[in-house]
Amino acid sequence: MRASPLSESEQLASLEAYVRSIETELQTHNALRGPIHQALSQCNANAAKAMANWERKSEYLLRESVKFRTYVESLQFAEQWKREVYEERERARRAARGEDVDDLDKAEKERQRKRGEEG
């Protein structure tokens, strides 16, 4: 495994897109189960092989979705935690200089409100 050349936010965007594509592919794949089942007679040796292949791909897509969704959630948590740490440091700096820390709290609440409107 090697380190990604992307920043954390770029990794997050890229992985979110990948997870969406995997989940779309899984939905498409799941929609094929019925037609595959109907197209092949149950006595046919190819039917068992086709269904086994279908199951393997379905399991793979589900594993990929879970694995990368977990990574996406970890990156989101890290991003939030990092933001909180930086804000706390800024509060401490302002308090040490005798500045009003409430202004920072108001600015943060405004940023959160805007993020809520965007999301």
Protein backbone atom coordinates (compact mmCIF):
# COMPACT_ATOMS: atom_id res chain seq x y z
CA MET A 1 0.00 0.00 0.00
CA ARG A 2 1.23 3.51 -0.73
CA ALA A 3 0.28 6.96 0.44
CA SER A 4 -2.20 8.92 -1.61
CA PRO A 5 -0.93 12.05 -3.38
CA LEU A 6 -4.32 13.68 -2.71
CA SER A 7 -5.11 15.90 0.24
CA GLU A 8 -7.58 14.59 2.82
CA SER A 9 -10.45 16.62 1.36
CA GLU A 10 -9.60 15.42 -2.18
CA GLN A 11 -9.40 11.82 -0.93
CA LEU A 12 -12.77 12.23 0.72
CA ALA A 13 -14.41 13.57 -2.45
CA SER A 14 -12.80 10.86 -4.57
CA LEU A 15 -13.81 8.08 -2.21
CA GLU A 16 -17.36 9.38 -1.88
CA ALA A 17 -17.66 9.25 -5.68
CA TYR A 18 -16.20 5.73 -5.71
CA VAL A 19 -18.65 4.53 -3.04
CA ARG A 20 -21.57 6.02 -5.00
CA SER A 21 -20.39 4.22 -8.16
CA ILE A 22 -20.02 0.91 -6.29
CA GLU A 23 -23.49 1.25 -4.77
CA THR A 24 -24.98 2.08 -8.18
CA GLU A 25 -23.25 -0.95 -9.67
CA LEU A 26 -24.54 -3.12 -6.81
CA GLN A 27 -28.11 -1.94 -7.43
CA THR A 28 -27.77 -2.67 -11.15
CA HIS A 29 -26.27 -6.05 -10.37
CA ASN A 30 -29.08 -6.90 -7.93
CA ALA A 31 -31.64 -6.00 -10.60
CA LEU A 32 -30.13 -8.70 -12.86
CA ARG A 33 -30.72 -11.57 -10.45
CA GLY A 34 -34.32 -12.17 -11.50
CA PRO A 35 -33.68 -12.00 -15.26
CA ILE A 36 -30.66 -14.32 -14.95
CA HIS A 37 -32.69 -16.74 -12.90
CA GLN A 38 -35.54 -16.70 -15.45
CA ALA A 39 -33.28 -16.90 -18.50
CA LEU A 40 -31.52 -20.09 -17.46
CA SER A 41 -33.40 -23.27 -16.73
CA GLN A 42 -32.69 -24.66 -13.28
CA CYS A 43 -31.62 -28.01 -14.71
CA ASN A 44 -28.89 -26.42 -16.76
CA ALA A 45 -25.35 -26.73 -15.37
CA ASN A 46 -24.66 -23.19 -16.55
CA ALA A 47 -27.48 -21.89 -14.34
CA ALA A 48 -25.67 -22.94 -11.16
CA LYS A 49 -22.41 -21.51 -12.45
CA ALA A 50 -24.07 -18.23 -13.47
CA MET A 51 -25.76 -17.85 -10.07
CA ALA A 52 -22.50 -18.65 -8.27
CA ASN A 53 -20.76 -15.96 -10.32
CA TRP A 54 -23.60 -13.55 -9.58
CA GLU A 55 -23.26 -14.23 -5.84
CA ARG A 56 -19.48 -13.76 -5.90
CA LYS A 57 -19.76 -10.40 -7.65
CA SER A 58 -22.55 -9.32 -5.31
CA GLU A 59 -20.45 -10.21 -2.25
CA TYR A 60 -17.43 -8.38 -3.70
CA LEU A 61 -19.41 -5.21 -4.39
CA LEU A 62 -20.93 -5.28 -0.92
CA ARG A 63 -17.50 -5.74 0.71
CA GLU A 64 -16.08 -2.85 -1.33
CA SER A 65 -19.00 -0.63 -0.38
CA VAL A 66 -18.66 -1.37 3.34
CA LYS A 67 -14.86 -1.06 3.31
CA PHE A 68 -14.74 2.28 1.53
CA ARG A 69 -17.80 3.71 3.31
CA THR A 70 -15.96 2.98 6.58
CA TYR A 71 -12.91 4.81 5.26
CA VAL A 72 -15.06 7.76 4.14
CA GLU A 73 -16.61 7.96 7.60
CA SER A 74 -13.13 7.90 9.15
CA LEU A 75 -11.99 10.76 6.93
CA GLN A 76 -15.12 12.75 7.77
CA PHE A 77 -14.53 12.19 11.49
CA ALA A 78 -10.85 13.19 11.16
CA GLU A 79 -11.80 16.33 9.25
CA GLN A 80 -14.31 17.34 11.92
CA TRP A 81 -11.88 16.55 14.74
CA LYS A 82 -9.09 18.53 13.06
CA ARG A 83 -11.41 21.51 12.64
CA GLU A 84 -12.36 21.35 16.34
CA VAL A 85 -8.69 21.18 17.40
CA TYR A 86 -7.80 24.20 15.25
CA GLU A 87 -10.76 26.15 16.64
CA GLU A 88 -9.75 25.30 20.20
CA ARG A 89 -6.20 26.44 19.51
CA GLU A 90 -7.50 29.69 18.05
CA ARG A 91 -9.68 30.25 21.13
CA ALA A 92 -6.66 29.65 23.38
CA ARG A 93 -4.54 32.10 21.35
CA ARG A 94 -7.24 34.76 21.49
CA ALA A 95 -7.79 34.24 25.19
CA ALA A 96 -4.03 34.51 25.81
CA ARG A 97 -4.01 37.84 23.95
CA GLY A 98 -7.04 39.03 25.90
CA GLU A 99 -9.31 39.08 22.84
CA ASP A 100 -13.01 38.26 22.87
CA VAL A 101 -13.44 34.51 22.37
CA ASP A 102 -17.21 34.88 21.90
CA ASP A 103 -16.64 36.40 18.44
CA LEU A 104 -14.99 33.15 17.37
CA ASP A 105 -17.94 31.12 18.71
CA LYS A 106 -20.37 33.32 16.76
CA ALA A 107 -18.32 32.91 13.58
CA GLU A 108 -18.23 29.14 14.04
CA LYS A 109 -22.00 28.97 14.56
CA GLU A 110 -22.48 30.95 11.35
CA ARG A 111 -20.19 28.53 9.43
CA GLN A 112 -22.12 25.55 10.79
CA ARG A 113 -25.42 27.16 9.77
CA LYS A 114 -24.11 27.73 6.23
CA ARG A 115 -22.85 24.11 6.02
CA GLY A 116 -26.29 22.94 7.10
CA GLU A 117 -27.90 24.95 4.31
CA GLU A 118 -25.48 23.56 1.73
CA GLY A 119 -25.83 19.91 2.82
